[in-house]
Amino acid sequence: MIVGLSNPKNKYHHTRHNVGSWYIYSLAKRFDKSLREEKKFLGFTTSINVHSNNVKLFIPNVFMNINGSAIYKIAVFYNINLNEILIAHDDLDLESGIVKLKYSYGHSGHNGLRSVINNFNIKTDFYRFRIGIGRPKNKTEIPSFVLSEPIIQEINLINMSIQNAIEQTYALLTSNL
């Protein structure tokens, strides 16, 4: 399963904190798929087929700090372990335009990742795409920064990094299947 961390779509879709969902929408588009709301999973889903393997795409439609409950719900339903999930999320420690694939345990202070780890209640490594959004100069501005829309130059850089992540996703899926 591939998940893009997010806050509720209607209010927060265009914010920096939702770049994980931007990645999922772009990935679905690359495979000519549309996401549909699945109320029982508290989010939006579709499936893509890579080398005859079905891969679920999921975007929680709940607040970031409880994304883990929605992800856990769909993972249990489809019998998917945490180490079989790729999670895309915004990252303050990377500049806009930078994306890094990481395989490890930990949340690095990200509330969405913290929620995932707490809900699965197991210490295991998992894949994640860290999509850079940059960091405000003043630490007290972080909440308003992540919940605001990036400027056009940042959007262009973020979209380039998402396209890079999609290429890396395809390579990861084809090499590990």
N, C-alpha and C. Protein backbone atom coordinates (compact mmCIF):
# COMPACT_ATOMS: atom_id res chain seq x y z
N MET A 1 0.85 -1.18 0.00
CA MET A 1 0.00 0.00 0.00
C MET A 1 0.90 1.24 0.00
N ILE A 2 0.43 2.28 -0.66
CA ILE A 2 1.12 3.56 -0.69
C ILE A 2 0.15 4.60 -0.13
N VAL A 3 0.63 5.37 0.84
CA VAL A 3 -0.22 6.32 1.56
C VAL A 3 0.38 7.72 1.46
N GLY A 4 -0.47 8.71 1.29
CA GLY A 4 -0.05 10.11 1.36
C GLY A 4 -0.68 10.75 2.58
N LEU A 5 0.13 11.14 3.56
CA LEU A 5 -0.40 11.76 4.76
C LEU A 5 -1.04 13.10 4.43
N SER A 6 -2.12 13.41 5.15
CA SER A 6 -2.85 14.64 4.83
C SER A 6 -3.78 15.05 5.97
N ASN A 7 -4.28 16.26 5.84
CA ASN A 7 -5.39 16.77 6.63
C ASN A 7 -6.63 16.69 5.75
N PRO A 8 -7.84 16.94 6.29
CA PRO A 8 -9.05 16.83 5.47
C PRO A 8 -8.96 17.63 4.17
N LYS A 9 -9.34 16.97 3.10
CA LYS A 9 -9.17 17.51 1.74
C LYS A 9 -9.87 18.85 1.52
N ASN A 10 -11.11 18.96 1.91
CA ASN A 10 -11.88 20.16 1.58
C ASN A 10 -11.23 21.45 2.06
N LYS A 11 -10.65 21.43 3.24
CA LYS A 11 -10.08 22.65 3.80
C LYS A 11 -8.57 22.77 3.56
N TYR A 12 -7.85 21.66 3.50
CA TYR A 12 -6.39 21.71 3.55
C TYR A 12 -5.66 21.18 2.31
N HIS A 13 -6.38 20.81 1.27
CA HIS A 13 -5.73 20.14 0.13
C HIS A 13 -4.53 20.89 -0.43
N HIS A 14 -4.62 22.20 -0.52
CA HIS A 14 -3.57 23.00 -1.16
C HIS A 14 -2.46 23.43 -0.21
N THR A 15 -2.46 22.92 1.01
CA THR A 15 -1.45 23.33 1.99
C THR A 15 -0.19 22.46 1.92
N ARG A 16 0.89 22.99 2.48
CA ARG A 16 2.16 22.27 2.50
C ARG A 16 2.04 20.92 3.22
N HIS A 17 1.24 20.88 4.27
CA HIS A 17 1.12 19.65 5.07
C HIS A 17 0.50 18.51 4.26
N ASN A 18 -0.16 18.83 3.16
CA ASN A 18 -0.85 17.82 2.36
C ASN A 18 -0.07 17.38 1.13
N VAL A 19 1.22 17.69 1.04
CA VAL A 19 1.95 17.29 -0.16
C VAL A 19 2.01 15.77 -0.32
N GLY A 20 1.87 15.02 0.75
CA GLY A 20 1.79 13.56 0.64
C GLY A 20 0.59 13.15 -0.20
N SER A 21 -0.53 13.84 -0.02
CA SER A 21 -1.72 13.53 -0.83
C SER A 21 -1.53 14.00 -2.27
N TRP A 22 -0.79 15.09 -2.48
CA TRP A 22 -0.51 15.54 -3.86
C TRP A 22 0.22 14.43 -4.62
N TYR A 23 1.16 13.80 -3.92
CA TYR A 23 1.92 12.69 -4.52
C TYR A 23 0.99 11.54 -4.92
N ILE A 24 0.06 11.17 -4.04
CA ILE A 24 -0.86 10.07 -4.34
C ILE A 24 -1.75 10.42 -5.53
N TYR A 25 -2.28 11.64 -5.55
CA TYR A 25 -3.12 12.04 -6.69
C TYR A 25 -2.32 12.00 -7.99
N SER A 26 -1.07 12.44 -7.95
CA SER A 26 -0.22 12.41 -9.15
C SER A 26 0.10 10.97 -9.57
N LEU A 27 0.36 10.11 -8.60
CA LEU A 27 0.65 8.71 -8.89
C LEU A 27 -0.58 8.03 -9.51
N ALA A 28 -1.75 8.29 -8.94
CA ALA A 28 -2.99 7.72 -9.49
C ALA A 28 -3.21 8.21 -10.92
N LYS A 29 -2.96 9.49 -11.15
CA LYS A 29 -3.11 10.05 -12.50
C LYS A 29 -2.17 9.38 -13.48
N ARG A 30 -0.94 9.10 -13.05
CA ARG A 30 0.04 8.44 -13.92
C ARG A 30 -0.47 7.08 -14.39
N PHE A 31 -1.27 6.42 -13.55
CA PHE A 31 -1.84 5.11 -13.89
C PHE A 31 -3.29 5.22 -14.38
N ASP A 32 -3.71 6.44 -14.73
CA ASP A 32 -5.08 6.69 -15.21
C ASP A 32 -6.15 6.20 -14.25
N LYS A 33 -5.92 6.45 -12.97
CA LYS A 33 -6.88 6.05 -11.94
C LYS A 33 -7.41 7.29 -11.23
N SER A 34 -8.61 7.16 -10.67
CA SER A 34 -9.20 8.21 -9.85
C SER A 34 -9.41 7.66 -8.45
N LEU A 35 -9.21 8.50 -7.47
CA LEU A 35 -9.46 8.08 -6.09
C LEU A 35 -10.92 8.31 -5.76
N ARG A 36 -11.48 7.41 -4.97
CA ARG A 36 -12.87 7.58 -4.54
C ARG A 36 -12.92 7.50 -3.02
N GLU A 37 -13.88 8.21 -2.47
CA GLU A 37 -13.99 8.22 -1.01
C GLU A 37 -14.50 6.87 -0.51
N GLU A 38 -13.84 6.35 0.51
CA GLU A 38 -14.24 5.11 1.18
C GLU A 38 -14.48 5.48 2.64
N LYS A 39 -15.71 5.75 2.98
CA LYS A 39 -16.03 6.21 4.33
C LYS A 39 -15.62 5.21 5.41
N LYS A 40 -15.70 3.92 5.11
CA LYS A 40 -15.33 2.93 6.13
C LYS A 40 -13.84 2.99 6.47
N PHE A 41 -13.02 3.55 5.56
CA PHE A 41 -11.58 3.69 5.82
C PHE A 41 -11.20 5.13 6.15
N LEU A 42 -12.18 6.03 6.16
CA LEU A 42 -11.94 7.44 6.49
C LEU A 42 -10.96 8.09 5.53
N GLY A 43 -11.13 7.80 4.23
CA GLY A 43 -10.23 8.39 3.26
C GLY A 43 -10.59 8.05 1.83
N PHE A 44 -9.62 8.28 0.95
CA PHE A 44 -9.79 8.08 -0.49
C PHE A 44 -8.87 6.95 -0.96
N THR A 45 -9.39 6.07 -1.81
CA THR A 45 -8.61 4.92 -2.25
C THR A 45 -8.76 4.69 -3.76
N THR A 46 -7.79 3.96 -4.27
CA THR A 46 -7.84 3.35 -5.58
C THR A 46 -6.77 2.27 -5.58
N SER A 47 -6.67 1.54 -6.65
CA SER A 47 -5.63 0.53 -6.79
C SER A 47 -4.94 0.72 -8.12
N ILE A 48 -3.65 0.41 -8.13
CA ILE A 48 -2.90 0.38 -9.38
C ILE A 48 -2.33 -1.02 -9.54
N ASN A 49 -2.02 -1.38 -10.77
CA ASN A 49 -1.48 -2.69 -11.03
C ASN A 49 -0.07 -2.54 -11.58
N VAL A 50 0.89 -3.12 -10.89
CA VAL A 50 2.29 -3.05 -11.31
C VAL A 50 2.80 -4.48 -11.41
N HIS A 51 3.14 -4.91 -12.61
CA HIS A 51 3.63 -6.28 -12.84
C HIS A 51 2.69 -7.32 -12.24
N SER A 52 1.40 -7.17 -12.52
CA SER A 52 0.34 -8.08 -12.07
C SER A 52 0.16 -8.09 -10.55
N ASN A 53 0.69 -7.11 -9.87
CA ASN A 53 0.49 -6.98 -8.43
C ASN A 53 -0.39 -5.77 -8.14
N ASN A 54 -1.39 -5.99 -7.30
CA ASN A 54 -2.32 -4.95 -6.92
C ASN A 54 -1.72 -4.11 -5.79
N VAL A 55 -1.63 -2.80 -5.99
CA VAL A 55 -1.09 -1.89 -4.97
C VAL A 55 -2.18 -0.88 -4.63
N LYS A 56 -2.57 -0.85 -3.36
CA LYS A 56 -3.57 0.11 -2.88
C LYS A 56 -2.92 1.48 -2.74
N LEU A 57 -3.65 2.52 -3.14
CA LEU A 57 -3.28 3.89 -2.87
C LEU A 57 -4.30 4.44 -1.88
N PHE A 58 -3.83 5.20 -0.90
CA PHE A 58 -4.73 5.67 0.15
C PHE A 58 -4.33 7.06 0.63
N ILE A 59 -5.35 7.90 0.79
CA ILE A 59 -5.18 9.23 1.41
C ILE A 59 -6.19 9.33 2.54
N PRO A 60 -5.71 9.42 3.78
CA PRO A 60 -6.65 9.63 4.88
C PRO A 60 -7.35 10.99 4.73
N ASN A 61 -8.60 11.06 5.13
CA ASN A 61 -9.35 12.31 5.09
C ASN A 61 -9.72 12.73 6.50
N VAL A 62 -8.74 12.63 7.38
CA VAL A 62 -8.88 13.02 8.78
C VAL A 62 -7.70 13.92 9.13
N PHE A 63 -7.70 14.48 10.32
CA PHE A 63 -6.60 15.36 10.70
C PHE A 63 -5.29 14.58 10.82
N MET A 64 -4.22 15.27 10.50
CA MET A 64 -2.88 14.67 10.43
C MET A 64 -2.54 13.86 11.68
N ASN A 65 -2.85 14.41 12.85
CA ASN A 65 -2.45 13.72 14.08
C ASN A 65 -3.25 12.46 14.37
N ILE A 66 -4.23 12.13 13.52
CA ILE A 66 -4.94 10.85 13.66
C ILE A 66 -4.93 10.06 12.35
N ASN A 67 -4.06 10.42 11.41
CA ASN A 67 -3.93 9.66 10.15
C ASN A 67 -3.69 8.18 10.41
N GLY A 68 -2.93 7.87 11.45
CA GLY A 68 -2.58 6.49 11.75
C GLY A 68 -3.78 5.59 11.96
N SER A 69 -4.85 6.13 12.55
CA SER A 69 -6.04 5.30 12.79
C SER A 69 -6.69 4.89 11.47
N ALA A 70 -6.75 5.81 10.50
CA ALA A 70 -7.33 5.48 9.19
C ALA A 70 -6.43 4.50 8.44
N ILE A 71 -5.12 4.73 8.49
CA ILE A 71 -4.18 3.85 7.80
C ILE A 71 -4.22 2.45 8.42
N TYR A 72 -4.28 2.38 9.73
CA TYR A 72 -4.34 1.09 10.42
C TYR A 72 -5.62 0.34 10.02
N LYS A 73 -6.73 1.08 9.94
CA LYS A 73 -8.02 0.46 9.61
C LYS A 73 -7.97 -0.22 8.23
N ILE A 74 -7.46 0.47 7.23
CA ILE A 74 -7.40 -0.11 5.89
C ILE A 74 -6.34 -1.21 5.82
N ALA A 75 -5.25 -1.04 6.54
CA ALA A 75 -4.18 -2.06 6.53
C ALA A 75 -4.68 -3.36 7.15
N VAL A 76 -5.40 -3.28 8.23
CA VAL A 76 -5.95 -4.49 8.86
C VAL A 76 -6.95 -5.17 7.92
N PHE A 77 -7.80 -4.37 7.30
CA PHE A 77 -8.81 -4.92 6.39
C PHE A 77 -8.16 -5.72 5.26
N TYR A 78 -7.07 -5.19 4.69
CA TYR A 78 -6.40 -5.85 3.57
C TYR A 78 -5.18 -6.68 4.00
N ASN A 79 -4.99 -6.83 5.31
CA ASN A 79 -3.90 -7.64 5.85
C ASN A 79 -2.53 -7.16 5.34
N ILE A 80 -2.28 -5.87 5.50
CA ILE A 80 -1.03 -5.25 5.06
C ILE A 80 -0.24 -4.84 6.30
N ASN A 81 1.00 -5.26 6.36
CA ASN A 81 1.88 -4.91 7.48
C ASN A 81 2.50 -3.54 7.27
N LEU A 82 2.91 -2.90 8.37
CA LEU A 82 3.52 -1.58 8.28
C LEU A 82 4.74 -1.57 7.37
N ASN A 83 5.54 -2.63 7.42
CA ASN A 83 6.75 -2.65 6.58
C ASN A 83 6.44 -2.90 5.10
N GLU A 84 5.15 -3.04 4.76
CA GLU A 84 4.71 -3.18 3.37
C GLU A 84 4.02 -1.91 2.87
N ILE A 85 4.16 -0.84 3.66
CA ILE A 85 3.52 0.43 3.33
C ILE A 85 4.58 1.48 3.04
N LEU A 86 4.38 2.21 1.95
CA LEU A 86 5.20 3.37 1.62
C LEU A 86 4.38 4.60 1.99
N ILE A 87 4.93 5.45 2.84
CA ILE A 87 4.21 6.64 3.31
C ILE A 87 4.90 7.89 2.77
N ALA A 88 4.13 8.75 2.11
CA ALA A 88 4.65 10.03 1.61
C ALA A 88 4.17 11.14 2.54
N HIS A 89 5.10 12.03 2.89
CA HIS A 89 4.74 13.12 3.81
C HIS A 89 5.60 14.34 3.57
N ASP A 90 5.13 15.47 4.06
CA ASP A 90 5.89 16.71 4.01
C ASP A 90 7.05 16.63 4.99
N ASP A 91 8.14 17.35 4.65
CA ASP A 91 9.31 17.34 5.53
C ASP A 91 9.90 18.74 5.62
N LEU A 92 9.90 19.29 6.81
CA LEU A 92 10.44 20.62 7.07
C LEU A 92 11.95 20.69 6.91
N ASP A 93 12.62 19.57 7.08
CA ASP A 93 14.09 19.54 7.05
C ASP A 93 14.67 19.47 5.65
N LEU A 94 13.82 19.37 4.65
CA LEU A 94 14.26 19.36 3.26
C LEU A 94 13.67 20.58 2.54
N GLU A 95 14.47 21.20 1.71
CA GLU A 95 13.99 22.34 0.94
C GLU A 95 12.97 21.87 -0.11
N SER A 96 12.09 22.77 -0.52
CA SER A 96 11.15 22.47 -1.60
C SER A 96 11.93 22.01 -2.82
N GLY A 97 11.45 20.95 -3.46
CA GLY A 97 12.11 20.40 -4.63
C GLY A 97 12.97 19.19 -4.32
N ILE A 98 13.18 18.91 -3.04
CA ILE A 98 13.98 17.76 -2.63
C ILE A 98 13.04 16.66 -2.14
N VAL A 99 13.31 15.43 -2.57
CA VAL A 99 12.57 14.27 -2.08
C VAL A 99 13.59 13.19 -1.75
N LYS A 100 13.37 12.53 -0.63
CA LYS A 100 14.28 11.46 -0.23
C LYS A 100 13.47 10.24 0.19
N LEU A 101 13.89 9.09 -0.31
CA LEU A 101 13.31 7.82 0.09
C LEU A 101 14.07 7.34 1.31
N LYS A 102 13.35 6.94 2.34
CA LYS A 102 13.97 6.49 3.57
C LYS A 102 13.30 5.19 4.00
N TYR A 103 14.09 4.28 4.53
CA TYR A 103 13.56 3.05 5.10
C TYR A 103 14.10 2.94 6.51
N SER A 104 13.25 3.30 7.45
CA SER A 104 13.66 3.23 8.85
C SER A 104 12.45 3.42 9.74
N TYR A 105 12.68 3.30 11.01
CA TYR A 105 11.66 3.49 12.02
C TYR A 105 11.81 4.88 12.60
N GLY A 106 10.76 5.48 13.03
CA GLY A 106 10.81 6.77 13.70
C GLY A 106 9.94 7.79 13.01
N HIS A 107 9.62 8.86 13.75
CA HIS A 107 8.72 9.88 13.22
C HIS A 107 9.40 11.24 13.02
N SER A 108 10.57 11.43 13.56
CA SER A 108 11.32 12.69 13.40
C SER A 108 10.47 13.92 13.73
N GLY A 109 9.55 13.77 14.66
CA GLY A 109 8.72 14.89 15.09
C GLY A 109 7.48 15.13 14.24
N HIS A 110 7.26 14.32 13.19
CA HIS A 110 6.09 14.50 12.32
C HIS A 110 4.88 13.84 12.99
N ASN A 111 3.84 14.63 13.25
CA ASN A 111 2.67 14.10 13.97
C ASN A 111 1.92 13.03 13.21
N GLY A 112 1.90 13.10 11.89
CA GLY A 112 1.25 12.05 11.10
C GLY A 112 1.98 10.73 11.22
N LEU A 113 3.31 10.77 11.13
CA LEU A 113 4.11 9.55 11.30
C LEU A 113 4.00 9.02 12.73
N ARG A 114 3.99 9.93 13.69
CA ARG A 114 3.83 9.52 15.10
C ARG A 114 2.52 8.75 15.28
N SER A 115 1.45 9.25 14.65
CA SER A 115 0.15 8.60 14.74
C SER A 115 0.18 7.20 14.10
N VAL A 116 0.86 7.08 12.97
CA VAL A 116 0.98 5.77 12.31
C VAL A 116 1.71 4.79 13.23
N ILE A 117 2.83 5.20 13.76
CA ILE A 117 3.63 4.33 14.63
C ILE A 117 2.83 3.94 15.86
N ASN A 118 2.14 4.89 16.46
CA ASN A 118 1.34 4.59 17.66
C ASN A 118 0.20 3.64 17.37
N ASN A 119 -0.45 3.78 16.22
CA ASN A 119 -1.58 2.90 15.89
C ASN A 119 -1.14 1.49 15.55
N PHE A 120 -0.03 1.34 14.85
CA PHE A 120 0.44 0.00 14.53
C PHE A 120 1.08 -0.66 15.74
N ASN A 121 1.57 0.15 16.67
CA ASN A 121 2.11 -0.34 17.95
C ASN A 121 3.13 -1.46 17.76
N ILE A 122 3.99 -1.27 16.78
CA ILE A 122 5.05 -2.24 16.52
C ILE A 122 6.27 -1.48 16.02
N LYS A 123 7.42 -1.83 16.49
CA LYS A 123 8.65 -1.17 16.05
C LYS A 123 9.20 -1.93 14.86
N THR A 124 8.94 -1.40 13.69
CA THR A 124 9.43 -1.99 12.46
C THR A 124 9.78 -0.88 11.47
N ASP A 125 10.77 -1.12 10.65
CA ASP A 125 11.12 -0.15 9.63
C ASP A 125 10.03 -0.11 8.57
N PHE A 126 9.87 1.05 7.95
CA PHE A 126 8.93 1.19 6.85
C PHE A 126 9.48 2.22 5.89
N TYR A 127 9.02 2.14 4.64
CA TYR A 127 9.45 3.07 3.61
C TYR A 127 8.67 4.38 3.74
N ARG A 128 9.36 5.46 3.41
CA ARG A 128 8.66 6.73 3.32
C ARG A 128 9.39 7.68 2.37
N PHE A 129 8.57 8.50 1.71
CA PHE A 129 9.09 9.58 0.90
C PHE A 129 8.97 10.85 1.72
N ARG A 130 10.12 11.46 1.94
CA ARG A 130 10.17 12.76 2.61
C ARG A 130 10.15 13.81 1.51
N ILE A 131 9.06 14.55 1.41
CA ILE A 131 8.91 15.56 0.37
C ILE A 131 9.16 16.93 1.00
N GLY A 132 10.22 17.58 0.55
CA GLY A 132 10.64 18.84 1.14
C GLY A 132 9.67 19.98 0.94
N ILE A 133 9.43 20.72 2.02
CA ILE A 133 8.61 21.94 1.96
C ILE A 133 9.36 23.14 2.53
N GLY A 134 10.59 22.92 3.00
CA GLY A 134 11.34 24.00 3.63
C GLY A 134 10.86 24.25 5.05
N ARG A 135 11.48 25.24 5.67
CA ARG A 135 11.18 25.54 7.07
C ARG A 135 11.14 27.06 7.25
N PRO A 136 10.18 27.56 8.03
CA PRO A 136 10.18 28.99 8.31
C PRO A 136 11.36 29.35 9.22
N LYS A 137 11.77 30.60 9.18
CA LYS A 137 12.91 31.03 10.01
C LYS A 137 12.60 30.94 11.50
N ASN A 138 11.38 31.25 11.87
CA ASN A 138 10.98 31.25 13.27
C ASN A 138 10.21 29.96 13.58
N LYS A 139 10.70 29.23 14.56
CA LYS A 139 10.10 27.94 14.94
C LYS A 139 8.62 28.08 15.33
N THR A 140 8.25 29.22 15.89
CA THR A 140 6.86 29.41 16.32
C THR A 140 5.90 29.53 15.13
N GLU A 141 6.45 29.74 13.93
CA GLU A 141 5.63 29.87 12.73
C GLU A 141 5.33 28.53 12.05
N ILE A 142 5.90 27.45 12.56
CA ILE A 142 5.74 26.14 11.89
C ILE A 142 4.27 25.75 11.71
N PRO A 143 3.42 25.81 12.75
CA PRO A 143 2.02 25.39 12.53
C PRO A 143 1.32 26.18 11.41
N SER A 144 1.48 27.48 11.38
CA SER A 144 0.82 28.27 10.32
C SER A 144 1.50 28.04 8.97
N PHE A 145 2.81 27.79 8.98
CA PHE A 145 3.55 27.53 7.74
C PHE A 145 3.05 26.25 7.07
N VAL A 146 2.98 25.14 7.80
CA VAL A 146 2.57 23.88 7.18
C VAL A 146 1.11 23.89 6.77
N LEU A 147 0.29 24.72 7.42
CA LEU A 147 -1.13 24.78 7.09
C LEU A 147 -1.46 25.90 6.11
N SER A 148 -0.43 26.49 5.50
CA SER A 148 -0.65 27.52 4.49
C SER A 148 -0.25 26.98 3.11
N GLU A 149 -0.71 27.69 2.08
CA GLU A 149 -0.39 27.29 0.71
C GLU A 149 0.99 27.80 0.33
N PRO A 150 1.78 26.97 -0.33
CA PRO A 150 3.09 27.43 -0.79
C PRO A 150 2.93 28.44 -1.93
N ILE A 151 3.96 29.26 -2.13
CA ILE A 151 3.94 30.20 -3.25
C ILE A 151 4.21 29.42 -4.54
N ILE A 152 3.95 30.03 -5.66
CA ILE A 152 4.01 29.35 -6.96
C ILE A 152 5.38 28.71 -7.22
N GLN A 153 6.47 29.39 -6.84
CA GLN A 153 7.80 28.82 -7.06
C GLN A 153 7.97 27.54 -6.25
N GLU A 154 7.46 27.53 -5.01
CA GLU A 154 7.52 26.33 -4.18
C GLU A 154 6.66 25.22 -4.76
N ILE A 155 5.49 25.58 -5.25
CA ILE A 155 4.59 24.59 -5.85
C ILE A 155 5.29 23.91 -7.02
N ASN A 156 5.95 24.69 -7.86
CA ASN A 156 6.66 24.12 -9.01
C ASN A 156 7.76 23.17 -8.55
N LEU A 157 8.52 23.56 -7.54
CA LEU A 157 9.59 22.70 -7.02
C LEU A 157 9.02 21.43 -6.38
N ILE A 158 7.95 21.59 -5.61
CA ILE A 158 7.32 20.43 -4.97
C ILE A 158 6.79 19.47 -6.04
N ASN A 159 6.15 20.01 -7.07
CA ASN A 159 5.63 19.15 -8.14
C ASN A 159 6.75 18.42 -8.87
N MET A 160 7.90 19.07 -9.05
CA MET A 160 9.05 18.39 -9.66
C MET A 160 9.53 17.25 -8.76
N SER A 161 9.57 17.50 -7.45
CA SER A 161 10.01 16.44 -6.54
C SER A 161 9.01 15.29 -6.51
N ILE A 162 7.73 15.60 -6.65
CA ILE A 162 6.71 14.55 -6.69
C ILE A 162 6.89 13.69 -7.94
N GLN A 163 7.19 14.31 -9.07
CA GLN A 163 7.44 13.52 -10.29
C GLN A 163 8.66 12.63 -10.11
N ASN A 164 9.67 13.14 -9.45
CA ASN A 164 10.86 12.35 -9.13
C ASN A 164 10.47 11.17 -8.23
N ALA A 165 9.64 11.43 -7.23
CA ALA A 165 9.19 10.36 -6.32
C ALA A 165 8.40 9.30 -7.06
N ILE A 166 7.60 9.71 -8.04
CA ILE A 166 6.83 8.74 -8.83
C ILE A 166 7.77 7.82 -9.61
N GLU A 167 8.81 8.38 -10.20
CA GLU A 167 9.80 7.56 -10.91
C GLU A 167 10.48 6.59 -9.94
N GLN A 168 10.83 7.07 -8.76
CA GLN A 168 11.45 6.21 -7.75
C GLN A 168 10.47 5.13 -7.27
N THR A 169 9.20 5.48 -7.18
CA THR A 169 8.18 4.52 -6.75
C THR A 169 8.09 3.37 -7.74
N TYR A 170 8.04 3.72 -9.01
CA TYR A 170 7.94 2.68 -10.04
C TYR A 170 9.16 1.78 -9.98
N ALA A 171 10.35 2.36 -9.82
CA ALA A 171 11.58 1.56 -9.73
C ALA A 171 11.53 0.66 -8.48
N LEU A 172 11.06 1.20 -7.39
CA LEU A 172 10.97 0.42 -6.14
C LEU A 172 10.00 -0.73 -6.30
N LEU A 173 8.84 -0.46 -6.86
CA LEU A 173 7.82 -1.51 -7.03
C LEU A 173 8.26 -2.60 -8.00
N THR A 174 8.94 -2.21 -9.05
CA THR A 174 9.37 -3.22 -10.03
C THR A 174 10.57 -4.01 -9.56
N SER A 175 11.40 -3.43 -8.69
CA SER A 175 12.58 -4.17 -8.21
C SER A 175 12.25 -5.09 -7.05
N ASN A 176 11.22 -4.78 -6.30
CA ASN A 176 10.90 -5.57 -5.10
C ASN A 176 9.79 -6.58 -5.32
N LEU A 177 9.23 -6.62 -6.51
CA LEU A 177 8.10 -7.54 -6.73
C LEU A 177 8.56 -8.85 -7.31
